[in-house]
């Protein structure tokens, strides 16, 4: 939850408008849904307490992307949104900086798209 709070603050500071947080359906959950201009952005937040096992963004594998795309389609359908409207998937990765002790936030825009 702390990671999602940091991610939300980051997006708002970048001018995004938050549409939904932790949106759930029978297929699963999307952490954040925002608007960047005319584009709907589905955001997966990945937080790690250590980098020992790799970067947090590396955990958004093909199956996770497939599931997120299905959930995003459900969100669009629930809103009656035009499926041709621009949308993208961003990943926000949060992990501790081993030197400063503070959290690093990496925002990967357009990490993947709806197929």
C-alpha atoms as a PDB file:
ATOM      1  CA  UNK A   1       0.000   0.000   0.000  1.00  0.00           C
ATOM      2  CA  UNK A   2       2.862   2.393   0.747  1.00  0.00           C
ATOM      3  CA  UNK A   3       4.265   1.731  -2.714  1.00  0.00           C
ATOM      4  CA  UNK A   4       0.909   2.509  -4.305  1.00  0.00           C
ATOM      5  CA  UNK A   5       0.711   5.735  -2.307  1.00  0.00           C
ATOM      6  CA  UNK A   6       4.163   6.770  -3.545  1.00  0.00           C
ATOM      7  CA  UNK A   7       3.251   5.822  -7.111  1.00  0.00           C
ATOM      8  CA  UNK A   8       0.019   7.814  -6.944  1.00  0.00           C
ATOM      9  CA  UNK A   9       1.844  10.886  -5.617  1.00  0.00           C
ATOM     10  CA  UNK A  10       4.410  10.539  -8.404  1.00  0.00           C
ATOM     11  CA  UNK A  11       1.722  10.335 -11.092  1.00  0.00           C
ATOM     12  CA  UNK A  12      -0.173  13.318  -9.696  1.00  0.00           C
ATOM     13  CA  UNK A  13       3.069  15.332  -9.588  1.00  0.00           C
ATOM     14  CA  UNK A  14       3.537  14.462 -13.276  1.00  0.00           C
ATOM     15  CA  UNK A  15       0.076  15.836 -14.109  1.00  0.00           C
ATOM     16  CA  UNK A  16      -1.825  12.561 -14.367  1.00  0.00           C
ATOM     17  CA  UNK A  17      -5.440  12.463 -13.214  1.00  0.00           C
ATOM     18  CA  UNK A  18      -6.201   9.403 -11.078  1.00  0.00           C
ATOM     19  CA  UNK A  19      -9.389   7.636 -12.216  1.00  0.00           C
ATOM     20  CA  UNK A  20      -9.352   4.547 -10.002  1.00  0.00           C
ATOM     21  CA  UNK A  21      -7.239   2.876  -7.342  1.00  0.00           C
ATOM     22  CA  UNK A  22      -7.069  -0.852  -6.655  1.00  0.00           C
ATOM     23  CA  UNK A  23      -9.888  -1.541  -9.126  1.00  0.00           C
ATOM     24  CA  UNK A  24     -11.087  -5.136  -8.794  1.00  0.00           C
ATOM     25  CA  UNK A  25     -13.200  -7.496 -10.810  1.00  0.00           C
ATOM     26  CA  UNK A  26     -13.512 -11.269 -10.920  1.00  0.00           C
ATOM     27  CA  UNK A  27     -10.366 -11.396 -13.075  1.00  0.00           C
ATOM     28  CA  UNK A  28      -8.122  -9.579 -10.609  1.00  0.00           C
ATOM     29  CA  UNK A  29      -6.977  -6.101  -9.695  1.00  0.00           C
ATOM     30  CA  UNK A  30      -5.220  -3.128 -11.266  1.00  0.00           C
ATOM     31  CA  UNK A  31      -3.298  -0.937  -8.840  1.00  0.00           C
ATOM     32  CA  UNK A  32      -3.883   2.473 -10.425  1.00  0.00           C
ATOM     33  CA  UNK A  33      -5.792   3.748 -13.430  1.00  0.00           C
ATOM     34  CA  UNK A  34      -5.024   7.267 -14.563  1.00  0.00           C
ATOM     35  CA  UNK A  35      -5.431   9.676 -17.435  1.00  0.00           C
ATOM     36  CA  UNK A  36      -2.371  11.171 -19.138  1.00  0.00           C
ATOM     37  CA  UNK A  37      -3.835  13.687 -21.559  1.00  0.00           C
ATOM     38  CA  UNK A  38      -6.221  11.646 -23.721  1.00  0.00           C
ATOM     39  CA  UNK A  39      -4.601   8.319 -22.852  1.00  0.00           C
ATOM     40  CA  UNK A  40      -5.934   5.943 -20.215  1.00  0.00           C
ATOM     41  CA  UNK A  41      -3.002   4.503 -18.288  1.00  0.00           C
ATOM     42  CA  UNK A  42      -3.194   1.226 -16.372  1.00  0.00           C
ATOM     43  CA  UNK A  43      -0.426   1.180 -13.786  1.00  0.00           C
ATOM     44  CA  UNK A  44       1.099  -1.863 -12.133  1.00  0.00           C
ATOM     45  CA  UNK A  45       3.059  -0.961  -9.000  1.00  0.00           C
ATOM     46  CA  UNK A  46       5.843  -3.338  -7.994  1.00  0.00           C
ATOM     47  CA  UNK A  47       7.608  -2.884  -4.677  1.00  0.00           C
ATOM     48  CA  UNK A  48      10.592  -4.792  -3.359  1.00  0.00           C
ATOM     49  CA  UNK A  49      12.264  -4.516   0.019  1.00  0.00           C
ATOM     50  CA  UNK A  50      15.574  -5.610  -1.498  1.00  0.00           C
ATOM     51  CA  UNK A  51      17.192  -5.845  -4.918  1.00  0.00           C
ATOM     52  CA  UNK A  52      18.771  -9.172  -4.026  1.00  0.00           C
ATOM     53  CA  UNK A  53      16.476 -11.093  -6.377  1.00  0.00           C
ATOM     54  CA  UNK A  54      16.430  -8.489  -9.150  1.00  0.00           C
ATOM     55  CA  UNK A  55      14.561  -5.343 -10.027  1.00  0.00           C
ATOM     56  CA  UNK A  56      10.857  -5.133  -9.160  1.00  0.00           C
ATOM     57  CA  UNK A  57       9.852  -4.365 -12.751  1.00  0.00           C
ATOM     58  CA  UNK A  58      11.318  -7.723 -13.813  1.00  0.00           C
ATOM     59  CA  UNK A  59       8.423  -9.453 -12.032  1.00  0.00           C
ATOM     60  CA  UNK A  60       5.859  -8.242 -14.593  1.00  0.00           C
ATOM     61  CA  UNK A  61       6.184 -11.355 -16.736  1.00  0.00           C
ATOM     62  CA  UNK A  62       4.128 -12.406 -19.765  1.00  0.00           C
ATOM     63  CA  UNK A  63       1.359 -14.080 -17.748  1.00  0.00           C
ATOM     64  CA  UNK A  64       1.005 -11.002 -15.522  1.00  0.00           C
ATOM     65  CA  UNK A  65       0.805  -8.752 -18.613  1.00  0.00           C
ATOM     66  CA  UNK A  66      -1.873 -11.024 -20.104  1.00  0.00           C
ATOM     67  CA  UNK A  67      -3.912 -10.866 -16.883  1.00  0.00           C
ATOM     68  CA  UNK A  68      -3.555  -7.095 -16.621  1.00  0.00           C
ATOM     69  CA  UNK A  69      -4.734  -6.711 -20.218  1.00  0.00           C
ATOM     70  CA  UNK A  70      -7.853  -8.787 -19.458  1.00  0.00           C
ATOM     71  CA  UNK A  71      -8.612  -6.718 -16.360  1.00  0.00           C
ATOM     72  CA  UNK A  72      -8.081  -3.495 -18.323  1.00  0.00           C
ATOM     73  CA  UNK A  73     -10.557  -4.654 -20.962  1.00  0.00           C
ATOM     74  CA  UNK A  74     -13.063  -5.361 -18.171  1.00  0.00           C
ATOM     75  CA  UNK A  75     -12.529  -1.855 -16.758  1.00  0.00           C
ATOM     76  CA  UNK A  76     -13.028  -0.307 -20.196  1.00  0.00           C
ATOM     77  CA  UNK A  77     -16.189  -2.373 -20.749  1.00  0.00           C
ATOM     78  CA  UNK A  78     -17.556  -1.432 -17.312  1.00  0.00           C
ATOM     79  CA  UNK A  79     -17.084   2.240 -18.208  1.00  0.00           C
ATOM     80  CA  UNK A  80     -18.527   1.878 -21.701  1.00  0.00           C
ATOM     81  CA  UNK A  81     -15.226   3.220 -23.009  1.00  0.00           C
ATOM     82  CA  UNK A  82     -14.363   3.141 -26.668  1.00  0.00           C
ATOM     83  CA  UNK A  83     -11.934   0.238 -27.132  1.00  0.00           C
ATOM     84  CA  UNK A  84     -10.155   2.225 -29.837  1.00  0.00           C
ATOM     85  CA  UNK A  85      -9.360   5.056 -27.398  1.00  0.00           C
ATOM     86  CA  UNK A  86      -5.650   5.246 -26.604  1.00  0.00           C
ATOM     87  CA  UNK A  87      -4.488   3.321 -23.576  1.00  0.00           C
ATOM     88  CA  UNK A  88      -1.201   1.961 -22.315  1.00  0.00           C
ATOM     89  CA  UNK A  89       0.332   0.057 -19.432  1.00  0.00           C
ATOM     90  CA  UNK A  90       2.959   1.626 -17.215  1.00  0.00           C
ATOM     91  CA  UNK A  91       4.971  -0.078 -14.516  1.00  0.00           C
ATOM     92  CA  UNK A  92       6.163   1.808 -11.460  1.00  0.00           C
ATOM     93  CA  UNK A  93       8.932  -0.026  -9.637  1.00  0.00           C
ATOM     94  CA  UNK A  94       9.910   0.957  -6.118  1.00  0.00           C
ATOM     95  CA  UNK A  95      12.927  -0.465  -4.310  1.00  0.00           C
ATOM     96  CA  UNK A  96      15.464   0.744  -1.757  1.00  0.00           C
ATOM     97  CA  UNK A  97      18.608   2.516  -2.919  1.00  0.00           C
ATOM     98  CA  UNK A  98      21.437   0.619  -1.210  1.00  0.00           C
ATOM     99  CA  UNK A  99      23.525   3.798  -0.911  1.00  0.00           C
ATOM    100  CA  UNK A 100      21.053   6.399   0.321  1.00  0.00           C
ATOM    101  CA  UNK A 101      18.600   4.135   2.137  1.00  0.00           C
ATOM    102  CA  UNK A 102      15.721   5.947   0.422  1.00  0.00           C
ATOM    103  CA  UNK A 103      13.366   4.372  -2.061  1.00  0.00           C
ATOM    104  CA  UNK A 104      14.078   4.614  -5.775  1.00  0.00           C
ATOM    105  CA  UNK A 105      11.021   5.006  -7.989  1.00  0.00           C
ATOM    106  CA  UNK A 106      11.340   4.023 -11.642  1.00  0.00           C
ATOM    107  CA  UNK A 107       8.410   4.837 -13.945  1.00  0.00           C
ATOM    108  CA  UNK A 108       8.405   2.720 -17.098  1.00  0.00           C
ATOM    109  CA  UNK A 109       5.968   4.396 -19.447  1.00  0.00           C
ATOM    110  CA  UNK A 110       4.328   2.279 -22.122  1.00  0.00           C
ATOM    111  CA  UNK A 111       5.818  -0.923 -20.709  1.00  0.00           C
ATOM    112  CA  UNK A 112       3.350  -2.814 -22.928  1.00  0.00           C
ATOM    113  CA  UNK A 113       0.048  -2.268 -24.763  1.00  0.00           C
ATOM    114  CA  UNK A 114      -3.281  -4.006 -25.188  1.00  0.00           C
ATOM    115  CA  UNK A 115      -2.955  -6.595 -27.915  1.00  0.00           C
END
